C-alpha cells in the first residue's frame, strides 16, 4: 500500500492545536475537517466581520479554544498576503479563507 502524500500525509501538530483536537498527528485534510466540525458545533460563524455568532456566514468567531490556535498564526502566503492573528481577542473574527494559514501555522515544519 502506498504511503500517503500531499494533503493526506500526516503532519505533527503544535501543542495548542494538538490539545484542541486530541491528536498529535493528522493529515491537513483531517485538521481542517475537525476545525470546521468544532466551529459548526459551537455555532461560531457570522455573516459580518466581528459580528455576533449566528451559525452561518464566512467569518469565524474566535472563542477561547480557537483563540489559542489562531494566535499562533503569523505568516505570509505565496502570493504575499500577510495573515497576522497574534493580537486577536476572544470574539474577534477571521475570514474562512484564512483557515489554510491557521492550519499551516499550527503544524511542525
PDB file of N, CA and C in Angstrom:
ATOM      1  N   UNK A   1       0.841  -1.178   0.000  1.00  0.00           N
ATOM      2  CA  UNK A   1       0.000   0.000   0.000  1.00  0.00           C
ATOM      3  C   UNK A   1       0.891   1.249   0.000  1.00  0.00           C
ATOM      4  N   UNK A   2       0.571   2.202  -0.828  1.00  0.00           N
ATOM      5  CA  UNK A   2       1.384   3.411  -0.967  1.00  0.00           C
ATOM      6  C   UNK A   2       1.261   4.294   0.270  1.00  0.00           C
ATOM      7  N   UNK A   3       2.365   4.954   0.585  1.00  0.00           N
ATOM      8  CA  UNK A   3       2.380   5.886   1.720  1.00  0.00           C
ATOM      9  C   UNK A   3       1.608   7.155   1.348  1.00  0.00           C
ATOM     10  N   UNK A   4       0.795   7.688   2.275  1.00  0.00           N
ATOM     11  CA  UNK A   4       0.037   8.919   1.976  1.00  0.00           C
ATOM     12  C   UNK A   4       0.976  10.074   1.625  1.00  0.00           C
ATOM     13  N   UNK A   5       0.544  10.900   0.664  1.00  0.00           N
ATOM     14  CA  UNK A   5       1.349  12.035   0.227  1.00  0.00           C
ATOM     15  C   UNK A   5       0.507  13.297   0.243  1.00  0.00           C
ATOM     16  N   UNK A   6       1.167  14.435   0.113  1.00  0.00           N
ATOM     17  CA  UNK A   6       0.472  15.714  -0.012  1.00  0.00           C
ATOM     18  C   UNK A   6      -0.404  16.017   1.178  1.00  0.00           C
ATOM     19  N   UNK A   7      -1.645  16.422   0.912  1.00  0.00           N
ATOM     20  CA  UNK A   7      -2.577  16.814   1.970  1.00  0.00           C
ATOM     21  C   UNK A   7      -3.017  15.639   2.834  1.00  0.00           C
ATOM     22  N   UNK A   8      -2.833  14.409   2.337  1.00  0.00           N
ATOM     23  CA  UNK A   8      -3.256  13.226   3.093  1.00  0.00           C
ATOM     24  C   UNK A   8      -2.147  12.662   3.970  1.00  0.00           C
ATOM     25  N   UNK A   9      -0.943  13.216   3.857  1.00  0.00           N
ATOM     26  CA  UNK A   9       0.178  12.757   4.672  1.00  0.00           C
ATOM     27  C   UNK A   9       0.040  13.342   6.082  1.00  0.00           C
ATOM     28  N   UNK A  10       0.103  12.517   7.119  1.00  0.00           N
ATOM     29  CA  UNK A  10       0.016  13.040   8.486  1.00  0.00           C
ATOM     30  C   UNK A  10       1.165  14.006   8.795  1.00  0.00           C
ATOM     31  N   UNK A  11       0.827  15.087   9.502  1.00  0.00           N
ATOM     32  CA  UNK A  11       1.812  16.069   9.927  1.00  0.00           C
ATOM     33  C   UNK A  11       1.725  16.203  11.446  1.00  0.00           C
ATOM     34  N   UNK A  12       2.817  16.642  12.064  1.00  0.00           N
ATOM     35  CA  UNK A  12       2.868  16.803  13.519  1.00  0.00           C
ATOM     36  C   UNK A  12       2.224  18.136  13.899  1.00  0.00           C
ATOM     37  N   UNK A  13       1.310  18.099  14.858  1.00  0.00           N
ATOM     38  CA  UNK A  13       0.602  19.297  15.298  1.00  0.00           C
ATOM     39  C   UNK A  13       1.356  19.993  16.421  1.00  0.00           C
ATOM     40  N   UNK A  14       1.344  21.327  16.405  1.00  0.00           N
ATOM     41  CA  UNK A  14       1.895  22.087  17.520  1.00  0.00           C
ATOM     42  C   UNK A  14       0.980  21.922  18.723  1.00  0.00           C
ATOM     43  N   UNK A  15       1.482  22.228  19.902  1.00  0.00           N
ATOM     44  CA  UNK A  15       0.807  21.862  21.145  1.00  0.00           C
ATOM     45  C   UNK A  15      -0.618  22.393  21.292  1.00  0.00           C
ATOM     46  N   UNK A  16      -0.896  23.655  20.964  1.00  0.00           N
ATOM     47  CA  UNK A  16      -2.248  24.197  21.148  1.00  0.00           C
ATOM     48  C   UNK A  16      -3.274  23.468  20.279  1.00  0.00           C
ATOM     49  N   UNK A  17      -2.915  23.221  19.031  1.00  0.00           N
ATOM     50  CA  UNK A  17      -3.826  22.509  18.132  1.00  0.00           C
ATOM     51  C   UNK A  17      -3.950  21.048  18.548  1.00  0.00           C
ATOM     52  N   UNK A  18      -2.849  20.435  18.955  1.00  0.00           N
ATOM     53  CA  UNK A  18      -2.883  19.039  19.408  1.00  0.00           C
ATOM     54  C   UNK A  18      -3.802  18.892  20.620  1.00  0.00           C
ATOM     55  N   UNK A  19      -3.727  19.842  21.538  1.00  0.00           N
ATOM     56  CA  UNK A  19      -4.595  19.818  22.713  1.00  0.00           C
ATOM     57  C   UNK A  19      -6.050  19.960  22.307  1.00  0.00           C
ATOM     58  N   UNK A  20      -6.333  20.901  21.411  1.00  0.00           N
ATOM     59  CA  UNK A  20      -7.709  21.132  20.976  1.00  0.00           C
ATOM     60  C   UNK A  20      -8.304  19.904  20.294  1.00  0.00           C
ATOM     61  N   UNK A  21      -7.523  19.273  19.413  1.00  0.00           N
ATOM     62  CA  UNK A  21      -8.034  18.163  18.610  1.00  0.00           C
ATOM     63  C   UNK A  21      -7.823  16.798  19.264  1.00  0.00           C
ATOM     64  N   UNK A  22      -7.010  16.742  20.317  1.00  0.00           N
ATOM     65  CA  UNK A  22      -6.763  15.470  20.989  1.00  0.00           C
ATOM     66  C   UNK A  22      -5.931  14.503  20.172  1.00  0.00           C
ATOM     67  N   UNK A  23      -5.122  15.035  19.272  1.00  0.00           N
ATOM     68  CA  UNK A  23      -4.262  14.226  18.391  1.00  0.00           C
ATOM     69  C   UNK A  23      -2.898  14.904  18.299  1.00  0.00           C
ATOM     70  N   UNK A  24      -1.863  14.123  18.028  1.00  0.00           N
ATOM     71  CA  UNK A  24      -0.538  14.718  17.836  1.00  0.00           C
ATOM     72  C   UNK A  24      -0.148  14.769  16.366  1.00  0.00           C
ATOM     73  N   UNK A  25      -0.763  13.906  15.551  1.00  0.00           N
ATOM     74  CA  UNK A  25      -0.503  13.888  14.108  1.00  0.00           C
ATOM     75  C   UNK A  25      -1.804  13.637  13.363  1.00  0.00           C
ATOM     76  N   UNK A  26      -2.014  14.398  12.303  1.00  0.00           N
ATOM     77  CA  UNK A  26      -3.185  14.234  11.431  1.00  0.00           C
ATOM     78  C   UNK A  26      -2.837  14.753  10.044  1.00  0.00           C
ATOM     79  N   UNK A  27      -3.497  14.251   9.003  1.00  0.00           N
ATOM     80  CA  UNK A  27      -3.356  14.867   7.673  1.00  0.00           C
ATOM     81  C   UNK A  27      -4.011  16.254   7.686  1.00  0.00           C
ATOM     82  N   UNK A  28      -3.538  17.153   6.850  1.00  0.00           N
ATOM     83  CA  UNK A  28      -4.107  18.503   6.776  1.00  0.00           C
ATOM     84  C   UNK A  28      -5.617  18.474   6.515  1.00  0.00           C
ATOM     85  N   UNK A  29      -6.056  17.531   5.694  1.00  0.00           N
ATOM     86  CA  UNK A  29      -7.485  17.437   5.394  1.00  0.00           C
ATOM     87  C   UNK A  29      -8.296  17.160   6.657  1.00  0.00           C
ATOM     88  N   UNK A  30      -7.787  16.299   7.526  1.00  0.00           N
ATOM     89  CA  UNK A  30      -8.488  15.963   8.769  1.00  0.00           C
ATOM     90  C   UNK A  30      -8.432  17.121   9.763  1.00  0.00           C
ATOM     91  N   UNK A  31      -7.313  17.850   9.788  1.00  0.00           N
ATOM     92  CA  UNK A  31      -7.198  19.015  10.671  1.00  0.00           C
ATOM     93  C   UNK A  31      -8.294  20.008  10.317  1.00  0.00           C
ATOM     94  N   UNK A  32      -8.401  20.328   9.034  1.00  0.00           N
ATOM     95  CA  UNK A  32      -9.398  21.294   8.570  1.00  0.00           C
ATOM     96  C   UNK A  32     -10.807  20.796   8.877  1.00  0.00           C
ATOM     97  N   UNK A  33     -11.073  19.525   8.633  1.00  0.00           N
ATOM     98  CA  UNK A  33     -12.393  18.963   8.897  1.00  0.00           C
ATOM     99  C   UNK A  33     -12.741  19.075  10.382  1.00  0.00           C
ATOM    100  N   UNK A  34     -11.806  18.713  11.245  1.00  0.00           N
ATOM    101  CA  UNK A  34     -12.067  18.757  12.685  1.00  0.00           C
ATOM    102  C   UNK A  34     -12.264  20.192  13.176  1.00  0.00           C
ATOM    103  N   UNK A  35     -11.511  21.137  12.623  1.00  0.00           N
ATOM    104  CA  UNK A  35     -11.718  22.540  12.990  1.00  0.00           C
ATOM    105  C   UNK A  35     -13.116  22.998  12.590  1.00  0.00           C
ATOM    106  N   UNK A  36     -13.540  22.652  11.376  1.00  0.00           N
ATOM    107  CA  UNK A  36     -14.877  23.029  10.914  1.00  0.00           C
ATOM    108  C   UNK A  36     -15.961  22.336  11.733  1.00  0.00           C
ATOM    109  N   UNK A  37     -15.746  21.085  12.098  1.00  0.00           N
ATOM    110  CA  UNK A  37     -16.717  20.385  12.951  1.00  0.00           C
ATOM    111  C   UNK A  37     -16.890  21.141  14.271  1.00  0.00           C
ATOM    112  N   UNK A  38     -15.781  21.589  14.850  1.00  0.00           N
ATOM    113  CA  UNK A  38     -15.828  22.341  16.102  1.00  0.00           C
ATOM    114  C   UNK A  38     -16.573  23.671  15.906  1.00  0.00           C
ATOM    115  N   UNK A  39     -16.211  24.393  14.858  1.00  0.00           N
ATOM    116  CA  UNK A  39     -16.819  25.706  14.576  1.00  0.00           C
ATOM    117  C   UNK A  39     -18.332  25.565  14.406  1.00  0.00           C
ATOM    118  N   UNK A  40     -18.747  24.569  13.658  1.00  0.00           N
ATOM    119  CA  UNK A  40     -20.181  24.371  13.419  1.00  0.00           C
ATOM    120  C   UNK A  40     -20.908  23.903  14.679  1.00  0.00           C
ATOM    121  N   UNK A  41     -20.292  23.020  15.445  1.00  0.00           N
ATOM    122  CA  UNK A  41     -20.917  22.520  16.677  1.00  0.00           C
ATOM    123  C   UNK A  41     -21.127  23.641  17.687  1.00  0.00           C
ATOM    124  N   UNK A  42     -20.174  24.579  17.726  1.00  0.00           N
ATOM    125  CA  UNK A  42     -20.249  25.692  18.678  1.00  0.00           C
ATOM    126  C   UNK A  42     -20.964  26.910  18.100  1.00  0.00           C
ATOM    127  N   UNK A  43     -21.420  26.796  16.832  1.00  0.00           N
ATOM    128  CA  UNK A  43     -22.118  27.894  16.141  1.00  0.00           C
ATOM    129  C   UNK A  43     -21.291  29.179  16.141  1.00  0.00           C
ATOM    130  N   UNK A  44     -20.051  29.060  15.658  1.00  0.00           N
ATOM    131  CA  UNK A  44     -19.108  30.172  15.680  1.00  0.00           C
ATOM    132  C   UNK A  44     -18.913  30.826  14.316  1.00  0.00           C
ATOM    133  N   UNK A  45     -19.962  30.893  13.510  1.00  0.00           N
ATOM    134  CA  UNK A  45     -19.884  31.584  12.230  1.00  0.00           C
ATOM    135  C   UNK A  45     -20.786  32.808  12.264  1.00  0.00           C
ATOM    136  N   UNK A  46     -20.403  33.836  11.501  1.00  0.00           N
ATOM    137  CA  UNK A  46     -21.202  35.046  11.389  1.00  0.00           C
ATOM    138  C   UNK A  46     -21.068  35.596   9.977  1.00  0.00           C
ATOM    139  N   UNK A  47     -22.013  36.415   9.567  1.00  0.00           N
ATOM    140  CA  UNK A  47     -22.028  36.951   8.201  1.00  0.00           C
ATOM    141  C   UNK A  47     -21.257  38.255   8.071  1.00  0.00           C
ATOM    142  N   UNK A  48     -20.884  38.874   9.193  1.00  0.00           N
ATOM    143  CA  UNK A  48     -20.187  40.162   9.142  1.00  0.00           C
ATOM    144  C   UNK A  48     -18.920  40.119   9.977  1.00  0.00           C
ATOM    145  N   UNK A  49     -17.895  40.882   9.579  1.00  0.00           N
ATOM    146  CA  UNK A  49     -16.682  40.932  10.391  1.00  0.00           C
ATOM    147  C   UNK A  49     -17.023  41.405  11.809  1.00  0.00           C
ATOM    148  N   UNK A  50     -16.504  40.687  12.787  1.00  0.00           N
ATOM    149  CA  UNK A  50     -16.703  40.989  14.210  1.00  0.00           C
ATOM    150  C   UNK A  50     -18.175  41.018  14.616  1.00  0.00           C
ATOM    151  N   UNK A  51     -19.018  40.267  13.875  1.00  0.00           N
ATOM    152  CA  UNK A  51     -20.427  40.144  14.229  1.00  0.00           C
ATOM    153  C   UNK A  51     -20.622  39.082  15.300  1.00  0.00           C
ATOM    154  N   UNK A  52     -21.819  39.022  15.831  1.00  0.00           N
ATOM    155  CA  UNK A  52     -22.152  38.023  16.838  1.00  0.00           C
ATOM    156  C   UNK A  52     -22.324  36.660  16.168  1.00  0.00           C
ATOM    157  N   UNK A  53     -21.964  35.576  16.862  1.00  0.00           N
ATOM    158  CA  UNK A  53     -22.151  34.244  16.283  1.00  0.00           C
ATOM    159  C   UNK A  53     -23.611  34.006  15.902  1.00  0.00           C
ATOM    160  N   UNK A  54     -23.838  33.524  14.681  1.00  0.00           N
ATOM    161  CA  UNK A  54     -25.196  33.247  14.226  1.00  0.00           C
ATOM    162  C   UNK A  54     -25.272  31.935  13.453  1.00  0.00           C
ATOM    163  N   UNK A  55     -24.186  31.154  13.493  1.00  0.00           N
ATOM    164  CA  UNK A  55     -24.111  29.837  12.870  1.00  0.00           C
ATOM    165  C   UNK A  55     -24.262  29.841  11.360  1.00  0.00           C
ATOM    166  N   UNK A  56     -23.902  30.934  10.704  1.00  0.00           N
ATOM    167  CA  UNK A  56     -23.889  30.977   9.249  1.00  0.00           C
ATOM    168  C   UNK A  56     -22.989  32.133   8.831  1.00  0.00           C
ATOM    169  N   UNK A  57     -22.385  32.015   7.675  1.00  0.00           N
ATOM    170  CA  UNK A  57     -21.571  33.098   7.160  1.00  0.00           C
ATOM    171  C   UNK A  57     -20.126  32.697   6.965  1.00  0.00           C
ATOM    172  N   UNK A  58     -19.369  33.627   6.375  1.00  0.00           N
ATOM    173  CA  UNK A  58     -17.987  33.315   6.011  1.00  0.00           C
ATOM    174  C   UNK A  58     -16.965  33.753   7.049  1.00  0.00           C
ATOM    175  N   UNK A  59     -17.411  34.310   8.160  1.00  0.00           N
ATOM    176  CA  UNK A  59     -16.498  34.726   9.211  1.00  0.00           C
ATOM    177  C   UNK A  59     -16.585  33.779  10.394  1.00  0.00           C
ATOM    178  N   UNK A  60     -15.440  33.519  11.015  1.00  0.00           N
ATOM    179  CA  UNK A  60     -15.359  32.608  12.144  1.00  0.00           C
ATOM    180  C   UNK A  60     -15.067  33.432  13.393  1.00  0.00           C
ATOM    181  N   UNK A  61     -15.888  33.253  14.405  1.00  0.00           N
ATOM    182  CA  UNK A  61     -15.751  33.977  15.664  1.00  0.00           C
ATOM    183  C   UNK A  61     -14.835  33.170  16.586  1.00  0.00           C
ATOM    184  N   UNK A  62     -13.808  33.825  17.116  1.00  0.00           N
ATOM    185  CA  UNK A  62     -12.856  33.155  17.995  1.00  0.00           C
ATOM    186  C   UNK A  62     -13.412  33.037  19.411  1.00  0.00           C
ATOM    187  N   UNK A  63     -13.592  31.799  19.868  1.00  0.00           N
ATOM    188  CA  UNK A  63     -13.877  31.588  21.278  1.00  0.00           C
ATOM    189  C   UNK A  63     -12.529  31.304  21.958  1.00  0.00           C
ATOM    190  N   UNK A  64     -12.517  31.034  23.247  1.00  0.00           N
ATOM    191  CA  UNK A  64     -11.257  30.848  23.976  1.00  0.00           C
ATOM    192  C   UNK A  64     -10.425  29.701  23.396  1.00  0.00           C
ATOM    193  N   UNK A  65     -11.087  28.620  22.980  1.00  0.00           N
ATOM    194  CA  UNK A  65     -10.371  27.468  22.436  1.00  0.00           C
ATOM    195  C   UNK A  65      -9.739  27.791  21.091  1.00  0.00           C
ATOM    196  N   UNK A  66     -10.506  28.376  20.185  1.00  0.00           N
ATOM    197  CA  UNK A  66      -9.963  28.729  18.865  1.00  0.00           C
ATOM    198  C   UNK A  66      -8.900  29.819  18.985  1.00  0.00           C
ATOM    199  N   UNK A  67      -9.087  30.729  19.915  1.00  0.00           N
ATOM    200  CA  UNK A  67      -8.141  31.828  20.079  1.00  0.00           C
ATOM    201  C   UNK A  67      -6.726  31.303  20.345  1.00  0.00           C
ATOM    202  N   UNK A  68      -6.607  30.261  21.153  1.00  0.00           N
ATOM    203  CA  UNK A  68      -5.280  29.707  21.449  1.00  0.00           C
ATOM    204  C   UNK A  68      -4.597  29.194  20.189  1.00  0.00           C
ATOM    205  N   UNK A  69      -5.385  28.719  19.232  1.00  0.00           N
ATOM    206  CA  UNK A  69      -4.842  28.222  17.965  1.00  0.00           C
ATOM    207  C   UNK A  69      -4.610  29.382  16.991  1.00  0.00           C
ATOM    208  N   UNK A  70      -5.595  30.275  16.866  1.00  0.00           N
ATOM    209  CA  UNK A  70      -5.482  31.406  15.938  1.00  0.00           C
ATOM    210  C   UNK A  70      -4.277  32.287  16.253  1.00  0.00           C
ATOM    211  N   UNK A  71      -3.990  32.506  17.533  1.00  0.00           N
ATOM    212  CA  UNK A  71      -2.925  33.432  17.928  1.00  0.00           C
ATOM    213  C   UNK A  71      -1.530  32.956  17.517  1.00  0.00           C
ATOM    214  N   UNK A  72      -1.397  31.707  17.102  1.00  0.00           N
ATOM    215  CA  UNK A  72      -0.114  31.186  16.631  1.00  0.00           C
ATOM    216  C   UNK A  72       0.147  31.565  15.176  1.00  0.00           C
ATOM    217  N   UNK A  73      -0.800  32.235  14.535  1.00  0.00           N
ATOM    218  CA  UNK A  73      -0.727  32.487  13.099  1.00  0.00           C
ATOM    219  C   UNK A  73      -0.113  33.845  12.783  1.00  0.00           C
ATOM    220  N   UNK A  74       1.024  33.811  12.141  1.00  0.00           N
ATOM    221  CA  UNK A  74       1.702  34.995  11.622  1.00  0.00           C
ATOM    222  C   UNK A  74       2.506  34.528  10.421  1.00  0.00           C
ATOM    223  N   UNK A  75       1.882  34.575   9.245  1.00  0.00           N
ATOM    224  CA  UNK A  75       2.532  34.020   8.059  1.00  0.00           C
ATOM    225  C   UNK A  75       2.222  34.849   6.827  1.00  0.00           C
ATOM    226  N   UNK A  76       3.039  34.653   5.805  1.00  0.00           N
ATOM    227  CA  UNK A  76       2.838  35.295   4.516  1.00  0.00           C
ATOM    228  C   UNK A  76       2.626  34.200   3.481  1.00  0.00           C
ATOM    229  N   UNK A  77       1.556  34.314   2.709  1.00  0.00           N
ATOM    230  CA  UNK A  77       1.256  33.298   1.689  1.00  0.00           C
ATOM    231  C   UNK A  77       2.210  33.446   0.506  1.00  0.00           C
ATOM    232  N   UNK A  78       2.168  32.478  -0.389  1.00  0.00           N
ATOM    233  CA  UNK A  78       2.999  32.531  -1.595  1.00  0.00           C
ATOM    234  C   UNK A  78       2.660  33.751  -2.439  1.00  0.00           C
ATOM    235  N   UNK A  79       1.413  34.231  -2.354  1.00  0.00           N
ATOM    236  CA  UNK A  79       1.008  35.409  -3.125  1.00  0.00           C
ATOM    237  C   UNK A  79       1.383  36.717  -2.410  1.00  0.00           C
ATOM    238  N   UNK A  80       1.945  36.597  -1.197  1.00  0.00           N
ATOM    239  CA  UNK A  80       2.387  37.784  -0.475  1.00  0.00           C
ATOM    240  C   UNK A  80       1.390  38.332   0.535  1.00  0.00           C
ATOM    241  N   UNK A  81       0.256  37.662   0.738  1.00  0.00           N
ATOM    242  CA  UNK A  81      -0.757  38.132   1.691  1.00  0.00           C
ATOM    243  C   UNK A  81      -0.337  37.777   3.115  1.00  0.00           C
ATOM    244  N   UNK A  82      -0.328  38.781   3.980  1.00  0.00           N
ATOM    245  CA  UNK A  82       0.056  38.587   5.371  1.00  0.00           C
ATOM    246  C   UNK A  82      -1.162  38.209   6.197  1.00  0.00           C
ATOM    247  N   UNK A  83      -1.022  37.177   7.019  1.00  0.00           N
ATOM    248  CA  UNK A  83      -2.051  36.788   7.972  1.00  0.00           C
ATOM    249  C   UNK A  83      -1.412  36.804   9.348  1.00  0.00           C
ATOM    250  N   UNK A  84      -1.697  37.863  10.111  1.00  0.00           N
ATOM    251  CA  UNK A  84      -1.145  38.003  11.455  1.00  0.00           C
ATOM    252  C   UNK A  84      -2.308  38.065  12.440  1.00  0.00           C
ATOM    253  N   UNK A  85      -2.484  36.994  13.189  1.00  0.00           N
ATOM    254  CA  UNK A  85      -3.581  36.900  14.151  1.00  0.00           C
ATOM    255  C   UNK A  85      -3.072  36.936  15.595  1.00  0.00           C
ATOM    256  N   UNK A  86      -1.823  37.321  15.780  1.00  0.00           N
ATOM    257  CA  UNK A  86      -1.211  37.262  17.110  1.00  0.00           C
ATOM    258  C   UNK A  86      -1.854  38.205  18.120  1.00  0.00           C
ATOM    259  N   UNK A  87      -2.524  39.258  17.671  1.00  0.00           N
ATOM    260  CA  UNK A  87      -3.160  40.213  18.585  1.00  0.00           C
ATOM    261  C   UNK A  87      -4.662  40.011  18.715  1.00  0.00           C
ATOM    262  N   UNK A  88      -5.177  38.886  18.226  1.00  0.00           N
ATOM    263  CA  UNK A  88      -6.629  38.633  18.293  1.00  0.00           C
ATOM    264  C   UNK A  88      -7.110  38.558  19.733  1.00  0.00           C
ATOM    265  N   UNK A  89      -8.373  38.887  19.886  1.00  0.00           N
ATOM    266  CA  UNK A  89      -9.032  38.762  21.181  1.00  0.00           C
ATOM    267  C   UNK A  89     -10.265  37.878  21.005  1.00  0.00           C
ATOM    268  N   UNK A  90     -10.728  37.307  22.091  1.00  0.00           N
ATOM    269  CA  UNK A  90     -11.932  36.489  22.048  1.00  0.00           C
ATOM    270  C   UNK A  90     -13.087  37.331  21.506  1.00  0.00           C
ATOM    271  N   UNK A  91     -13.833  36.774  20.567  1.00  0.00           N
ATOM    272  CA  UNK A  91     -14.947  37.485  19.937  1.00  0.00           C
ATOM    273  C   UNK A  91     -14.575  38.118  18.604  1.00  0.00           C
ATOM    274  N   UNK A  92     -13.258  38.282  18.325  1.00  0.00           N
ATOM    275  CA  UNK A  92     -12.821  38.774  17.018  1.00  0.00           C
ATOM    276  C   UNK A  92     -13.098  37.691  15.980  1.00  0.00           C
ATOM    277  N   UNK A  93     -13.122  38.081  14.703  1.00  0.00           N
ATOM    278  CA  UNK A  93     -13.397  37.123  13.633  1.00  0.00           C
ATOM    279  C   UNK A  93     -12.251  37.055  12.640  1.00  0.00           C
ATOM    280  N   UNK A  94     -12.208  35.926  11.934  1.00  0.00           N
ATOM    281  CA  UNK A  94     -11.327  35.788  10.774  1.00  0.00           C
ATOM    282  C   UNK A  94     -12.198  35.368   9.600  1.00  0.00           C
ATOM    283  N   UNK A  95     -11.738  35.653   8.393  1.00  0.00           N
ATOM    284  CA  UNK A  95     -12.395  35.208   7.180  1.00  0.00           C
ATOM    285  C   UNK A  95     -12.078  33.716   7.007  1.00  0.00           C
ATOM    286  N   UNK A  96     -13.049  32.936   6.564  1.00  0.00           N
ATOM    287  CA  UNK A  96     -12.820  31.498   6.403  1.00  0.00           C
ATOM    288  C   UNK A  96     -11.650  31.196   5.465  1.00  0.00           C
ATOM    289  N   UNK A  97     -11.333  32.131   4.577  1.00  0.00           N
ATOM    290  CA  UNK A  97     -10.221  31.919   3.652  1.00  0.00           C
ATOM    291  C   UNK A  97      -8.866  31.940   4.371  1.00  0.00           C
ATOM    292  N   UNK A  98      -8.830  32.362   5.615  1.00  0.00           N
ATOM    293  CA  UNK A  98      -7.593  32.379   6.393  1.00  0.00           C
ATOM    294  C   UNK A  98      -7.330  31.050   7.098  1.00  0.00           C
ATOM    295  N   UNK A  99      -8.244  30.110   6.978  1.00  0.00           N
ATOM    296  CA  UNK A  99      -8.084  28.827   7.672  1.00  0.00           C
ATOM    297  C   UNK A  99      -6.839  28.065   7.214  1.00  0.00           C
ATOM    298  N   UNK A 100      -6.479  28.165   5.955  1.00  0.00           N
ATOM    299  CA  UNK A 100      -5.276  27.474   5.479  1.00  0.00           C
ATOM    300  C   UNK A 100      -4.041  28.019   6.190  1.00  0.00           C
ATOM    301  N   UNK A 101      -3.998  29.337   6.400  1.00  0.00           N
ATOM    302  CA  UNK A 101      -2.873  29.945   7.118  1.00  0.00           C
ATOM    303  C   UNK A 101      -2.848  29.486   8.574  1.00  0.00           C
ATOM    304  N   UNK A 102      -4.033  29.371   9.175  1.00  0.00           N
ATOM    305  CA  UNK A 102      -4.133  28.911  10.566  1.00  0.00           C
ATOM    306  C   UNK A 102      -3.603  27.473  10.679  1.00  0.00           C
ATOM    307  N   UNK A 103      -4.033  26.604   9.774  1.00  0.00           N
ATOM    308  CA  UNK A 103      -3.572  25.214   9.797  1.00  0.00           C
ATOM    309  C   UNK A 103      -2.058  25.175   9.587  1.00  0.00           C
ATOM    310  N   UNK A 104      -1.577  25.906   8.587  1.00  0.00           N
ATOM    311  CA  UNK A 104      -0.141  25.912   8.306  1.00  0.00           C
ATOM    312  C   UNK A 104       0.704  26.414   9.465  1.00  0.00           C
ATOM    313  N   UNK A 105       0.184  27.382  10.206  1.00  0.00           N
ATOM    314  CA  UNK A 105       0.934  27.939  11.342  1.00  0.00           C
ATOM    315  C   UNK A 105       0.928  27.027  12.557  1.00  0.00           C
ATOM    316  N   UNK A 106       0.064  26.033  12.565  1.00  0.00           N
ATOM    317  CA  UNK A 106      -0.078  25.174  13.737  1.00  0.00           C
ATOM    318  C   UNK A 106       0.406  23.748  13.517  1.00  0.00           C
ATOM    319  N   UNK A 107       1.235  23.565  12.490  1.00  0.00           N
ATOM    320  CA  UNK A 107       1.882  22.266  12.282  1.00  0.00           C
ATOM    321  C   UNK A 107       3.388  22.465  12.282  1.00  0.00           C
ATOM    322  N   UNK A 108       4.088  21.405  12.674  1.00  0.00           N
ATOM    323  CA  UNK A 108       5.557  21.460  12.700  1.00  0.00           C
ATOM    324  C   UNK A 108       6.070  21.342  11.268  1.00  0.00           C
ATOM    325  N   UNK A 109       7.090  22.140  10.962  1.00  0.00           N
ATOM    326  CA  UNK A 109       7.623  22.072   9.592  1.00  0.00           C
ATOM    327  C   UNK A 109       8.813  21.161   9.509  1.00  0.00           C
TER     328      UNK A 109
END
